[in-house]
Amino acid sequence: MAKGPAGLTIAAVAEQMGITNGGVQYSFRSKEALISAMFERWVQDHAACIDELCPNSQDGHDRTNAHIVSTSNFDARSRRRAPSLMVSVLNSPQHMALTRNWYRDRVNDIDASTPAGRRLRLAFFAMEGAFLMRLFGLIDIPSEEWESIVADVMALIDDEVADVASPMESRAA
């Protein structure tokens, strides 16, 4: 965390964990394997969180709502994961492709042919954008402001905001 993505080395991990370089290499073989393990853990943890929020649901809207709720819970753990996620995606075409596919699957789960679906899609992109901007330190969002942003996003989902017209519908009107 202190040295950024470039500081992620086998030696740095070994030092932080209080073990030998060989101990880390025995488990991960290479820096790339270590990054892959971090990425895999992030994916598994996120899936477990979604399953906890909406058990046994395969409904895309339910799972998208759960994703937004999960993403809104920005905490120290989220902040700690930022470097590993950034390193993973930026240094690996494979992880970049997996991330793109993961996001595409989330968006494809949303039926944007309805006003509620369009609000959900807008809420998804708004929450992801705000989360990633805060996560990667692109903007400082204090807790009170974050809570306000989350409330605004949740209002989109909860139907408290007027239907969002598509650009084509707006032009036709």
C-alpha atoms as a PDB file:
ATOM      1  CA  MET A   1       0.000   0.000   0.000  1.00  0.00           C
ATOM      2  CA  ALA A   2       2.736   2.456   0.964  1.00  0.00           C
ATOM      3  CA  LYS A   3       4.767   1.899  -2.212  1.00  0.00           C
ATOM      4  CA  GLY A   4       1.908   1.512  -4.697  1.00  0.00           C
ATOM      5  CA  PRO A   5       1.593  -1.174  -7.357  1.00  0.00           C
ATOM      6  CA  ALA A   6       5.295  -1.049  -8.230  1.00  0.00           C
ATOM      7  CA  GLY A   7       6.072  -1.971  -4.623  1.00  0.00           C
ATOM      8  CA  LEU A   8       4.342  -5.331  -4.951  1.00  0.00           C
ATOM      9  CA  THR A   9       7.253  -7.755  -5.036  1.00  0.00           C
ATOM     10  CA  ILE A  10       7.835 -11.221  -3.622  1.00  0.00           C
ATOM     11  CA  ALA A  11      10.380  -9.690  -1.224  1.00  0.00           C
ATOM     12  CA  ALA A  12       7.931  -6.992  -0.059  1.00  0.00           C
ATOM     13  CA  VAL A  13       5.199  -9.567   0.570  1.00  0.00           C
ATOM     14  CA  ALA A  14       7.637 -11.821   2.432  1.00  0.00           C
ATOM     15  CA  GLU A  15       8.842  -8.928   4.580  1.00  0.00           C
ATOM     16  CA  GLN A  16       5.293  -7.788   5.357  1.00  0.00           C
ATOM     17  CA  MET A  17       4.241 -11.321   6.296  1.00  0.00           C
ATOM     18  CA  GLY A  18       7.388 -12.034   8.264  1.00  0.00           C
ATOM     19  CA  ILE A  19       8.373 -15.042   6.169  1.00  0.00           C
ATOM     20  CA  THR A  20      11.149 -15.806   3.718  1.00  0.00           C
ATOM     21  CA  ASN A  21      11.071 -15.032   0.002  1.00  0.00           C
ATOM     22  CA  GLY A  22      11.167 -18.781  -0.535  1.00  0.00           C
ATOM     23  CA  GLY A  23       8.032 -19.194   1.573  1.00  0.00           C
ATOM     24  CA  VAL A  24       6.138 -16.802  -0.671  1.00  0.00           C
ATOM     25  CA  GLN A  25       7.555 -18.347  -3.848  1.00  0.00           C
ATOM     26  CA  TYR A  26       6.656 -21.834  -2.646  1.00  0.00           C
ATOM     27  CA  SER A  27       3.017 -20.760  -2.479  1.00  0.00           C
ATOM     28  CA  PHE A  28       2.867 -18.520  -5.523  1.00  0.00           C
ATOM     29  CA  ARG A  29       5.855 -19.387  -7.763  1.00  0.00           C
ATOM     30  CA  SER A  30       5.970 -15.880  -9.281  1.00  0.00           C
ATOM     31  CA  LYS A  31       4.730 -12.333  -8.907  1.00  0.00           C
ATOM     32  CA  GLU A  32       2.176 -13.044 -11.639  1.00  0.00           C
ATOM     33  CA  ALA A  33       0.849 -16.027  -9.666  1.00  0.00           C
ATOM     34  CA  LEU A  34       0.598 -13.825  -6.575  1.00  0.00           C
ATOM     35  CA  ILE A  35      -1.350 -11.206  -8.519  1.00  0.00           C
ATOM     36  CA  SER A  36      -3.611 -13.914  -9.951  1.00  0.00           C
ATOM     37  CA  ALA A  37      -4.292 -15.218  -6.447  1.00  0.00           C
ATOM     38  CA  MET A  38      -5.213 -11.710  -5.260  1.00  0.00           C
ATOM     39  CA  PHE A  39      -7.539 -11.271  -8.228  1.00  0.00           C
ATOM     40  CA  GLU A  40      -9.166 -14.666  -7.692  1.00  0.00           C
ATOM     41  CA  ARG A  41      -9.699 -13.907  -4.011  1.00  0.00           C
ATOM     42  CA  TRP A  42     -11.301 -10.581  -4.839  1.00  0.00           C
ATOM     43  CA  VAL A  43     -13.690 -12.280  -7.299  1.00  0.00           C
ATOM     44  CA  GLN A  44     -14.576 -15.022  -4.783  1.00  0.00           C
ATOM     45  CA  ASP A  45     -15.104 -12.564  -1.925  1.00  0.00           C
ATOM     46  CA  HIS A  46     -17.342 -10.392  -4.069  1.00  0.00           C
ATOM     47  CA  ALA A  47     -19.397 -13.396  -5.217  1.00  0.00           C
ATOM     48  CA  ALA A  48     -19.801 -14.532  -1.597  1.00  0.00           C
ATOM     49  CA  CYS A  49     -20.996 -11.053  -0.614  1.00  0.00           C
ATOM     50  CA  ILE A  50     -23.584 -11.013  -3.413  1.00  0.00           C
ATOM     51  CA  ASP A  51     -24.762 -14.501  -2.453  1.00  0.00           C
ATOM     52  CA  GLU A  52     -25.108 -13.347   1.152  1.00  0.00           C
ATOM     53  CA  LEU A  53     -27.168 -10.312   0.139  1.00  0.00           C
ATOM     54  CA  CYS A  54     -29.490 -12.242  -2.194  1.00  0.00           C
ATOM     55  CA  PRO A  55     -29.219 -15.968  -1.453  1.00  0.00           C
ATOM     56  CA  ASN A  56     -30.416 -18.389  -4.117  1.00  0.00           C
ATOM     57  CA  SER A  57     -31.376 -15.611  -6.526  1.00  0.00           C
ATOM     58  CA  GLN A  58     -30.375 -15.780 -10.145  1.00  0.00           C
ATOM     59  CA  ASP A  59     -32.441 -12.713 -11.011  1.00  0.00           C
ATOM     60  CA  GLY A  60     -30.201 -10.153 -12.689  1.00  0.00           C
ATOM     61  CA  HIS A  61     -31.970  -7.191 -11.112  1.00  0.00           C
ATOM     62  CA  ASP A  62     -31.708  -8.693  -7.608  1.00  0.00           C
ATOM     63  CA  ARG A  63     -28.027  -9.421  -8.100  1.00  0.00           C
ATOM     64  CA  THR A  64     -27.379  -5.937  -9.515  1.00  0.00           C
ATOM     65  CA  ASN A  65     -29.135  -4.383  -6.515  1.00  0.00           C
ATOM     66  CA  ALA A  66     -26.974  -6.541  -4.233  1.00  0.00           C
ATOM     67  CA  HIS A  67     -23.856  -5.438  -6.127  1.00  0.00           C
ATOM     68  CA  ILE A  68     -24.781  -1.782  -5.639  1.00  0.00           C
ATOM     69  CA  VAL A  69     -25.413  -2.323  -1.923  1.00  0.00           C
ATOM     70  CA  SER A  70     -22.108  -4.177  -1.618  1.00  0.00           C
ATOM     71  CA  THR A  71     -20.234  -1.462  -3.506  1.00  0.00           C
ATOM     72  CA  SER A  72     -21.783   1.251  -1.359  1.00  0.00           C
ATOM     73  CA  ASN A  73     -20.149  -0.298   1.718  1.00  0.00           C
ATOM     74  CA  PHE A  74     -16.831   1.411   1.084  1.00  0.00           C
ATOM     75  CA  ASP A  75     -14.512   0.647   3.966  1.00  0.00           C
ATOM     76  CA  ALA A  76     -10.877   0.139   4.898  1.00  0.00           C
ATOM     77  CA  ARG A  77     -10.980  -3.326   3.320  1.00  0.00           C
ATOM     78  CA  SER A  78     -12.017  -1.777   0.011  1.00  0.00           C
ATOM     79  CA  ARG A  79      -9.146   0.685   0.262  1.00  0.00           C
ATOM     80  CA  ARG A  80      -6.670  -2.143   0.954  1.00  0.00           C
ATOM     81  CA  ARG A  81      -7.832  -4.031  -2.121  1.00  0.00           C
ATOM     82  CA  ALA A  82      -7.384  -1.151  -4.537  1.00  0.00           C
ATOM     83  CA  PRO A  83      -3.683  -1.692  -5.215  1.00  0.00           C
ATOM     84  CA  SER A  84      -4.094  -5.423  -5.850  1.00  0.00           C
ATOM     85  CA  LEU A  85      -7.020  -4.871  -8.169  1.00  0.00           C
ATOM     86  CA  MET A  86      -5.189  -2.110 -10.043  1.00  0.00           C
ATOM     87  CA  VAL A  87      -1.993  -4.162 -10.364  1.00  0.00           C
ATOM     88  CA  SER A  88      -3.946  -7.191 -11.466  1.00  0.00           C
ATOM     89  CA  VAL A  89      -5.927  -5.443 -14.161  1.00  0.00           C
ATOM     90  CA  LEU A  90      -3.177  -3.176 -15.484  1.00  0.00           C
ATOM     91  CA  ASN A  91      -0.435  -5.807 -15.597  1.00  0.00           C
ATOM     92  CA  SER A  92      -2.390  -8.687 -17.034  1.00  0.00           C
ATOM     93  CA  PRO A  93      -4.268  -8.748 -20.331  1.00  0.00           C
ATOM     94  CA  GLN A  94      -5.970 -11.896 -18.993  1.00  0.00           C
ATOM     95  CA  HIS A  95      -7.268 -10.086 -15.901  1.00  0.00           C
ATOM     96  CA  MET A  96      -8.264  -7.072 -17.968  1.00  0.00           C
ATOM     97  CA  ALA A  97     -10.322  -9.372 -20.185  1.00  0.00           C
ATOM     98  CA  LEU A  98     -11.846 -11.113 -17.164  1.00  0.00           C
ATOM     99  CA  THR A  99     -12.726  -7.738 -15.632  1.00  0.00           C
ATOM    100  CA  ARG A 100     -14.283  -6.491 -18.861  1.00  0.00           C
ATOM    101  CA  ASN A 101     -16.302  -9.689 -19.171  1.00  0.00           C
ATOM    102  CA  TRP A 102     -17.327  -9.470 -15.510  1.00  0.00           C
ATOM    103  CA  TYR A 103     -18.624  -5.921 -15.998  1.00  0.00           C
ATOM    104  CA  ARG A 104     -20.318  -6.845 -19.278  1.00  0.00           C
ATOM    105  CA  ASP A 105     -22.100  -9.719 -17.497  1.00  0.00           C
ATOM    106  CA  ARG A 106     -23.300  -7.310 -14.783  1.00  0.00           C
ATOM    107  CA  VAL A 107     -24.665  -4.895 -17.390  1.00  0.00           C
ATOM    108  CA  ASN A 108     -26.222  -7.731 -19.404  1.00  0.00           C
ATOM    109  CA  ASP A 109     -28.095  -8.828 -16.258  1.00  0.00           C
ATOM    110  CA  ILE A 110     -30.076  -5.591 -16.424  1.00  0.00           C
ATOM    111  CA  ASP A 111     -33.168  -5.396 -18.617  1.00  0.00           C
ATOM    112  CA  ALA A 112     -32.781  -1.828 -19.848  1.00  0.00           C
ATOM    113  CA  SER A 113     -35.952  -2.007 -21.952  1.00  0.00           C
ATOM    114  CA  THR A 114     -38.020  -0.753 -19.007  1.00  0.00           C
ATOM    115  CA  PRO A 115     -37.844   2.496 -17.040  1.00  0.00           C
ATOM    116  CA  ALA A 116     -36.966   0.541 -13.883  1.00  0.00           C
ATOM    117  CA  GLY A 117     -34.221  -1.294 -15.755  1.00  0.00           C
ATOM    118  CA  ARG A 118     -32.782   1.954 -17.082  1.00  0.00           C
ATOM    119  CA  ARG A 119     -32.773   3.403 -13.554  1.00  0.00           C
ATOM    120  CA  LEU A 120     -31.020   0.281 -12.314  1.00  0.00           C
ATOM    121  CA  ARG A 121     -28.415   0.537 -15.085  1.00  0.00           C
ATOM    122  CA  LEU A 122     -27.868   4.213 -14.283  1.00  0.00           C
ATOM    123  CA  ALA A 123     -27.559   3.381 -10.572  1.00  0.00           C
ATOM    124  CA  PHE A 124     -25.040   0.637 -11.368  1.00  0.00           C
ATOM    125  CA  PHE A 125     -22.812   2.946 -13.419  1.00  0.00           C
ATOM    126  CA  ALA A 126     -23.151   5.808 -10.932  1.00  0.00           C
ATOM    127  CA  MET A 127     -22.188   3.600  -7.980  1.00  0.00           C
ATOM    128  CA  GLU A 128     -19.276   1.994  -9.846  1.00  0.00           C
ATOM    129  CA  GLY A 129     -17.983   5.370 -11.015  1.00  0.00           C
ATOM    130  CA  ALA A 130     -18.171   6.944  -7.572  1.00  0.00           C
ATOM    131  CA  PHE A 131     -16.709   3.842  -5.920  1.00  0.00           C
ATOM    132  CA  LEU A 132     -13.754   3.575  -8.315  1.00  0.00           C
ATOM    133  CA  MET A 133     -13.015   7.306  -8.157  1.00  0.00           C
ATOM    134  CA  ARG A 134     -12.927   7.124  -4.366  1.00  0.00           C
ATOM    135  CA  LEU A 135     -11.121   3.780  -4.277  1.00  0.00           C
ATOM    136  CA  PHE A 136      -8.260   4.890  -6.501  1.00  0.00           C
ATOM    137  CA  GLY A 137      -7.930   8.243  -4.766  1.00  0.00           C
ATOM    138  CA  LEU A 138      -9.100  10.253  -7.770  1.00  0.00           C
ATOM    139  CA  ILE A 139     -11.391  12.279  -5.508  1.00  0.00           C
ATOM    140  CA  ASP A 140     -11.657  12.687  -1.779  1.00  0.00           C
ATOM    141  CA  ILE A 141     -15.224  11.898  -0.754  1.00  0.00           C
ATOM    142  CA  PRO A 142     -15.748  12.311   2.995  1.00  0.00           C
ATOM    143  CA  SER A 143     -18.079   9.831   4.713  1.00  0.00           C
ATOM    144  CA  GLU A 144     -21.014  12.236   4.948  1.00  0.00           C
ATOM    145  CA  GLU A 145     -20.849  13.023   1.233  1.00  0.00           C
ATOM    146  CA  TRP A 146     -20.426   9.309   0.429  1.00  0.00           C
ATOM    147  CA  GLU A 147     -23.587   8.508   2.384  1.00  0.00           C
ATOM    148  CA  SER A 148     -25.426  11.201   0.436  1.00  0.00           C
ATOM    149  CA  ILE A 149     -24.219   9.768  -2.883  1.00  0.00           C
ATOM    150  CA  VAL A 150     -25.283   6.268  -1.826  1.00  0.00           C
ATOM    151  CA  ALA A 151     -28.724   7.598  -0.839  1.00  0.00           C
ATOM    152  CA  ASP A 152     -29.094   9.269  -4.251  1.00  0.00           C
ATOM    153  CA  VAL A 153     -28.111   6.061  -6.046  1.00  0.00           C
ATOM    154  CA  MET A 154     -30.467   3.982  -3.917  1.00  0.00           C
ATOM    155  CA  ALA A 155     -33.271   6.453  -4.682  1.00  0.00           C
ATOM    156  CA  LEU A 156     -32.837   5.615  -8.366  1.00  0.00           C
ATOM    157  CA  ILE A 157     -33.368   1.948  -7.575  1.00  0.00           C
ATOM    158  CA  ASP A 158     -36.201   2.526  -5.128  1.00  0.00           C
ATOM    159  CA  ASP A 159     -38.301   4.354  -7.721  1.00  0.00           C
ATOM    160  CA  GLU A 160     -38.137   7.642  -5.799  1.00  0.00           C
ATOM    161  CA  VAL A 161     -36.913   9.463  -8.874  1.00  0.00           C
ATOM    162  CA  ALA A 162     -38.995  10.078 -11.986  1.00  0.00           C
ATOM    163  CA  ASP A 163     -38.559   7.605 -14.810  1.00  0.00           C
ATOM    164  CA  VAL A 164     -35.347   8.158 -16.725  1.00  0.00           C
ATOM    165  CA  ALA A 165     -36.138   8.494 -20.402  1.00  0.00           C
ATOM    166  CA  SER A 166     -33.763   7.077 -22.945  1.00  0.00           C
ATOM    167  CA  PRO A 167     -32.033   9.590 -25.259  1.00  0.00           C
ATOM    168  CA  MET A 168     -34.185   8.371 -28.166  1.00  0.00           C
ATOM    169  CA  GLU A 169     -37.407   8.865 -26.161  1.00  0.00           C
ATOM    170  CA  SER A 170     -36.292  12.360 -25.143  1.00  0.00           C
ATOM    171  CA  ARG A 171     -35.644  13.334 -28.767  1.00  0.00           C
ATOM    172  CA  ALA A 172     -38.995  11.936 -29.866  1.00  0.00           C
ATOM    173  CA  ALA A 173     -40.813  14.016 -27.250  1.00  0.00           C
END
